[in-house]
Structure formats: C-alpha cells, structure tokens
C-alpha atoms as a PDB file:
ATOM      1  CA  UNK A   1      48.391  17.669   0.044  1.00  0.00           C
ATOM      2  CA  UNK A   2      51.279  16.123  -1.853  1.00  0.00           C
ATOM      3  CA  UNK A   3      53.398  15.480   1.228  1.00  0.00           C
ATOM      4  CA  UNK A   4      53.225  12.449   3.478  1.00  0.00           C
ATOM      5  CA  UNK A   5      51.542  13.054   6.807  1.00  0.00           C
ATOM      6  CA  UNK A   6      52.070  10.831   9.802  1.00  0.00           C
ATOM      7  CA  UNK A   7      48.902   9.786  11.586  1.00  0.00           C
ATOM      8  CA  UNK A   8      49.128   8.847  15.219  1.00  0.00           C
ATOM      9  CA  UNK A   9      47.285   5.719  16.376  1.00  0.00           C
ATOM     10  CA  UNK A  10      45.508   7.849  19.000  1.00  0.00           C
ATOM     11  CA  UNK A  11      44.218  10.142  16.215  1.00  0.00           C
ATOM     12  CA  UNK A  12      42.982   7.131  14.243  1.00  0.00           C
ATOM     13  CA  UNK A  13      41.143   5.867  17.302  1.00  0.00           C
ATOM     14  CA  UNK A  14      39.562   9.303  17.878  1.00  0.00           C
ATOM     15  CA  UNK A  15      38.469   9.510  14.227  1.00  0.00           C
ATOM     16  CA  UNK A  16      37.032   5.991  14.293  1.00  0.00           C
ATOM     17  CA  UNK A  17      35.110   6.811  17.471  1.00  0.00           C
ATOM     18  CA  UNK A  18      33.747  10.069  16.013  1.00  0.00           C
ATOM     19  CA  UNK A  19      32.658   8.308  12.814  1.00  0.00           C
ATOM     20  CA  UNK A  20      31.005   5.527  14.796  1.00  0.00           C
ATOM     21  CA  UNK A  21      29.213   8.017  17.074  1.00  0.00           C
ATOM     22  CA  UNK A  22      28.027  10.028  14.056  1.00  0.00           C
ATOM     23  CA  UNK A  23      26.700   6.867  12.388  1.00  0.00           C
ATOM     24  CA  UNK A  24      24.702   5.944  15.492  1.00  0.00           C
ATOM     25  CA  UNK A  25      23.368   9.492  15.850  1.00  0.00           C
ATOM     26  CA  UNK A  26      22.374   9.700  12.181  1.00  0.00           C
ATOM     27  CA  UNK A  27      21.044   6.149  11.974  1.00  0.00           C
ATOM     28  CA  UNK A  28      23.340   5.102   9.130  1.00  0.00           C
ATOM     29  CA  UNK A  29      26.481   3.054   8.611  1.00  0.00           C
ATOM     30  CA  UNK A  30      30.039   4.193   9.272  1.00  0.00           C
ATOM     31  CA  UNK A  31      30.636   3.814   5.533  1.00  0.00           C
ATOM     32  CA  UNK A  32      27.836   6.350   4.881  1.00  0.00           C
ATOM     33  CA  UNK A  33      29.452   8.816   7.295  1.00  0.00           C
ATOM     34  CA  UNK A  34      32.827   8.426   5.572  1.00  0.00           C
ATOM     35  CA  UNK A  35      31.118   9.019   2.199  1.00  0.00           C
ATOM     36  CA  UNK A  36      29.534  12.219   3.533  1.00  0.00           C
ATOM     37  CA  UNK A  37      32.914  13.415   4.807  1.00  0.00           C
ATOM     38  CA  UNK A  38      34.485  12.637   1.426  1.00  0.00           C
ATOM     39  CA  UNK A  39      31.731  14.572  -0.347  1.00  0.00           C
ATOM     40  CA  UNK A  40      32.297  17.601   1.881  1.00  0.00           C
ATOM     41  CA  UNK A  41      36.049  17.394   1.396  1.00  0.00           C
ATOM     42  CA  UNK A  42      35.560  17.405  -2.368  1.00  0.00           C
ATOM     43  CA  UNK A  43      33.344  20.488  -2.019  1.00  0.00           C
ATOM     44  CA  UNK A  44      35.864  22.068   0.333  1.00  0.00           C
ATOM     45  CA  UNK A  45      33.254  22.450   3.081  1.00  0.00           C
ATOM     46  CA  UNK A  46      33.812  20.738   6.405  1.00  0.00           C
ATOM     47  CA  UNK A  47      32.608  23.681   8.455  1.00  0.00           C
ATOM     48  CA  UNK A  48      29.172  22.188   9.065  1.00  0.00           C
ATOM     49  CA  UNK A  49      27.882  25.749   9.085  1.00  0.00           C
ATOM     50  CA  UNK A  50      25.546  25.129   6.162  1.00  0.00           C
ATOM     51  CA  UNK A  51      23.803  22.480   8.263  1.00  0.00           C
ATOM     52  CA  UNK A  52      22.663  24.984  10.857  1.00  0.00           C
ATOM     53  CA  UNK A  53      21.737  27.649   8.334  1.00  0.00           C
ATOM     54  CA  UNK A  54      20.291  24.941   6.071  1.00  0.00           C
ATOM     55  CA  UNK A  55      17.710  23.961   8.688  1.00  0.00           C
ATOM     56  CA  UNK A  56      16.646  27.586   9.055  1.00  0.00           C
ATOM     57  CA  UNK A  57      16.473  28.030   5.277  1.00  0.00           C
ATOM     58  CA  UNK A  58      14.423  24.879   4.878  1.00  0.00           C
ATOM     59  CA  UNK A  59      11.928  25.932   7.560  1.00  0.00           C
ATOM     60  CA  UNK A  60      11.603  29.381   6.005  1.00  0.00           C
ATOM     61  CA  UNK A  61      10.946  27.867   2.562  1.00  0.00           C
ATOM     62  CA  UNK A  62       8.134  25.815   4.009  1.00  0.00           C
ATOM     63  CA  UNK A  63       6.659  28.830   5.849  1.00  0.00           C
ATOM     64  CA  UNK A  64       6.729  30.890   2.642  1.00  0.00           C
ATOM     65  CA  UNK A  65       5.081  28.083   0.680  1.00  0.00           C
ATOM     66  CA  UNK A  66       2.309  27.745   3.257  1.00  0.00           C
ATOM     67  CA  UNK A  67       1.762  31.525   3.297  1.00  0.00           C
ATOM     68  CA  UNK A  68       1.596  31.511  -0.504  1.00  0.00           C
ATOM     69  CA  UNK A  69      -1.123  28.832  -0.418  1.00  0.00           C
ATOM     70  CA  UNK A  70      -3.045  30.816   2.188  1.00  0.00           C
ATOM     71  CA  UNK A  71      -2.796  34.103   0.278  1.00  0.00           C
ATOM     72  CA  UNK A  72      -3.776  32.468  -3.010  1.00  0.00           C
ATOM     73  CA  UNK A  73      -6.650  30.731  -1.170  1.00  0.00           C
ATOM     74  CA  UNK A  74      -5.982  27.455  -2.958  1.00  0.00           C
ATOM     75  CA  UNK A  75      -4.089  24.235  -2.443  1.00  0.00           C
ATOM     76  CA  UNK A  76      -3.212  23.689  -6.100  1.00  0.00           C
ATOM     77  CA  UNK A  77       0.354  24.812  -5.391  1.00  0.00           C
ATOM     78  CA  UNK A  78       1.015  22.062  -2.863  1.00  0.00           C
ATOM     79  CA  UNK A  79       4.032  19.851  -3.390  1.00  0.00           C
ATOM     80  CA  UNK A  80       3.775  17.207  -0.653  1.00  0.00           C
ATOM     81  CA  UNK A  81       6.855  15.200  -1.643  1.00  0.00           C
ATOM     82  CA  UNK A  82       9.038  18.309  -1.571  1.00  0.00           C
ATOM     83  CA  UNK A  83       7.504  19.443   1.728  1.00  0.00           C
ATOM     84  CA  UNK A  84       8.283  16.017   3.179  1.00  0.00           C
ATOM     85  CA  UNK A  85      11.919  16.299   2.087  1.00  0.00           C
ATOM     86  CA  UNK A  86      12.076  19.751   3.683  1.00  0.00           C
ATOM     87  CA  UNK A  87      10.610  18.389   6.925  1.00  0.00           C
ATOM     88  CA  UNK A  88      12.943  15.393   6.989  1.00  0.00           C
ATOM     89  CA  UNK A  89      16.046  17.497   6.378  1.00  0.00           C
ATOM     90  CA  UNK A  90      15.007  20.100   8.938  1.00  0.00           C
ATOM     91  CA  UNK A  91      14.259  17.438  11.564  1.00  0.00           C
ATOM     92  CA  UNK A  92      17.594  15.766  10.899  1.00  0.00           C
ATOM     93  CA  UNK A  93      19.486  19.023  11.337  1.00  0.00           C
ATOM     94  CA  UNK A  94      17.682  19.575  14.639  1.00  0.00           C
ATOM     95  CA  UNK A  95      18.474  15.985  15.673  1.00  0.00           C
ATOM     96  CA  UNK A  96      14.792  15.029  15.765  1.00  0.00           C
ATOM     97  CA  UNK A  97      13.112  11.946  14.362  1.00  0.00           C
ATOM     98  CA  UNK A  98       9.844  12.026  12.439  1.00  0.00           C
ATOM     99  CA  UNK A  99       7.275   9.262  12.389  1.00  0.00           C
ATOM    100  CA  UNK A 100       5.232   8.393   9.314  1.00  0.00           C
ATOM    101  CA  UNK A 101       2.216  10.052  10.970  1.00  0.00           C
ATOM    102  CA  UNK A 102       4.120  13.281  11.634  1.00  0.00           C
ATOM    103  CA  UNK A 103       5.429  13.346   8.080  1.00  0.00           C
ATOM    104  CA  UNK A 104       1.908  12.789   6.704  1.00  0.00           C
ATOM    105  CA  UNK A 105       0.472  15.558   8.867  1.00  0.00           C
ATOM    106  CA  UNK A 106       3.218  18.002   7.893  1.00  0.00           C
ATOM    107  CA  UNK A 107       2.653  17.374   4.184  1.00  0.00           C
ATOM    108  CA  UNK A 108      -0.721  19.114   4.311  1.00  0.00           C
ATOM    109  CA  UNK A 109      -2.480  16.503   2.187  1.00  0.00           C
ATOM    110  CA  UNK A 110      -4.782  13.593   2.965  1.00  0.00           C
ATOM    111  CA  UNK A 111      -3.110  10.682   4.747  1.00  0.00           C
ATOM    112  CA  UNK A 112      -3.682   8.289   1.831  1.00  0.00           C
ATOM    113  CA  UNK A 113      -2.050  10.787  -0.553  1.00  0.00           C
ATOM    114  CA  UNK A 114       0.858  11.358   1.820  1.00  0.00           C
ATOM    115  CA  UNK A 115       1.388   7.596   2.226  1.00  0.00           C
ATOM    116  CA  UNK A 116       1.507   7.171  -1.566  1.00  0.00           C
ATOM    117  CA  UNK A 117       4.187   9.876  -1.718  1.00  0.00           C
ATOM    118  CA  UNK A 118       6.151   8.175   1.084  1.00  0.00           C
ATOM    119  CA  UNK A 119       6.006   4.870  -0.819  1.00  0.00           C
ATOM    120  CA  UNK A 120       7.204   6.532  -4.041  1.00  0.00           C
ATOM    121  CA  UNK A 121       9.986   8.371  -2.222  1.00  0.00           C
ATOM    122  CA  UNK A 122      11.133   5.111  -0.593  1.00  0.00           C
ATOM    123  CA  UNK A 123      11.139   3.412  -4.007  1.00  0.00           C
ATOM    124  CA  UNK A 124      13.250   6.313  -5.341  1.00  0.00           C
ATOM    125  CA  UNK A 125      15.723   5.802  -2.454  1.00  0.00           C
ATOM    126  CA  UNK A 126      14.981   9.257  -1.015  1.00  0.00           C
ATOM    127  CA  UNK A 127      13.773   8.077   2.366  1.00  0.00           C
ATOM    128  CA  UNK A 128      13.908   5.001   4.523  1.00  0.00           C
ATOM    129  CA  UNK A 129      11.604   3.635   7.176  1.00  0.00           C
ATOM    130  CA  UNK A 130      12.564   1.763  10.314  1.00  0.00           C
ATOM    131  CA  UNK A 131      10.740   0.567  13.387  1.00  0.00           C
ATOM    132  CA  UNK A 132      10.549   3.055  16.246  1.00  0.00           C
ATOM    133  CA  UNK A 133      12.587   1.419  19.009  1.00  0.00           C
ATOM    134  CA  UNK A 134      10.721   3.431  21.667  1.00  0.00           C
ATOM    135  CA  UNK A 135       7.221   2.755  20.360  1.00  0.00           C
ATOM    136  CA  UNK A 136       6.784  -0.330  18.190  1.00  0.00           C
ATOM    137  CA  UNK A 137       3.418   0.973  16.990  1.00  0.00           C
ATOM    138  CA  UNK A 138       5.075   3.684  14.906  1.00  0.00           C
ATOM    139  CA  UNK A 139       7.682   3.888  12.167  1.00  0.00           C
ATOM    140  CA  UNK A 140      10.541   6.401  11.943  1.00  0.00           C
ATOM    141  CA  UNK A 141      11.213   7.994   8.559  1.00  0.00           C
ATOM    142  CA  UNK A 142      14.534   9.568   7.563  1.00  0.00           C
ATOM    143  CA  UNK A 143      16.441  10.671   4.496  1.00  0.00           C
ATOM    144  CA  UNK A 144      18.729   8.107   2.945  1.00  0.00           C
ATOM    145  CA  UNK A 145      22.420   9.056   2.981  1.00  0.00           C
ATOM    146  CA  UNK A 146      22.265   9.496  -0.800  1.00  0.00           C
ATOM    147  CA  UNK A 147      19.212  11.805  -0.582  1.00  0.00           C
ATOM    148  CA  UNK A 148      20.947  13.825   2.154  1.00  0.00           C
ATOM    149  CA  UNK A 149      24.009  14.364  -0.033  1.00  0.00           C
ATOM    150  CA  UNK A 150      21.830  15.378  -2.997  1.00  0.00           C
ATOM    151  CA  UNK A 151      19.729  17.721  -0.853  1.00  0.00           C
ATOM    152  CA  UNK A 152      22.853  19.384   0.539  1.00  0.00           C
ATOM    153  CA  UNK A 153      24.197  19.722  -3.004  1.00  0.00           C
ATOM    154  CA  UNK A 154      20.916  21.469  -3.859  1.00  0.00           C
ATOM    155  CA  UNK A 155      21.279  23.762  -0.831  1.00  0.00           C
ATOM    156  CA  UNK A 156      24.765  24.710  -2.015  1.00  0.00           C
ATOM    157  CA  UNK A 157      23.270  25.872  -5.322  1.00  0.00           C
ATOM    158  CA  UNK A 158      20.657  28.122  -3.706  1.00  0.00           C
ATOM    159  CA  UNK A 159      21.815  31.720  -3.306  1.00  0.00           C
END
C-alpha cells in the first residue's frame, strides 16, 4: 500500500461508471456508494459474499422468529421494527423494493402499529421513504446508507 500506483484514465472512467450505476441501482448518492466501499475496505471485505449469504441468514432469522411465535402460541415475542429491518435488508439484497404496505404486512402487527414503527425508524435515520415512480399511489421504503452499514456491521458480528 505504501507504493505509488498509476491509475489509467480508462480505469477511472470505469470506476466512476460502476459507482454511478450502483448508486442508481441502490437508490442512493455516489458519495454513499463510495462510503460503503471505504467501509468494506477498512473491514478488508470487498468480496460481496456476505451480501448473498446475509440475505439468506436474514430470511432464516425471520422464519425462526415466526416459528417461535407459533410454537409459543403468543405474539408477545414480536419485534416489528427488527422484522422490518430484516425485510428491508433482505429485499435490498435480492434487488427488490418494498412499499409501505408490504413492510406493514410483513411486520405481523396492526397497520397503525407498523406505521408508528416506520415513523420512528425514519426519525432514527434507519429507513427512508420515497415516491414510487411506477405507482404514485404507493411509497417505497428502503434502508438508509448509514443503517445498511450498521446492519452489515451487525451481520459481521454474528457467528
């Protein structure tokens, strides 16, 4: 790392294009994408492999939690905000978008309760809402870049 490396203009153009494409795909700014790359570099993980396995892990966590609630025959163990984060991360890894309605339904609680959690999570900068360009009657919900980085840091800690 201590030696000077020459960067070709064609490589810079390719990198800029990849960062721009990633920003469009993820619905964030190019600066956010660069920050995510920097974070992964600091962790020494640019493989992207955790993203694929992360989506599977997240889905399995949710399945286990739902089975637990069913076996215990109670809903007192529900954690709608956490389930929403799991759903948002999983959808993102599968390159899907979730609407507010889908997120509410997936939380397993009443719509009014789910909407309160969405509001609180937005206030905590964990998720962001934007108009659905394909259907102006609905709103798309996604993790903020900061929440994504924190969630991936959490995934790195899980054995």
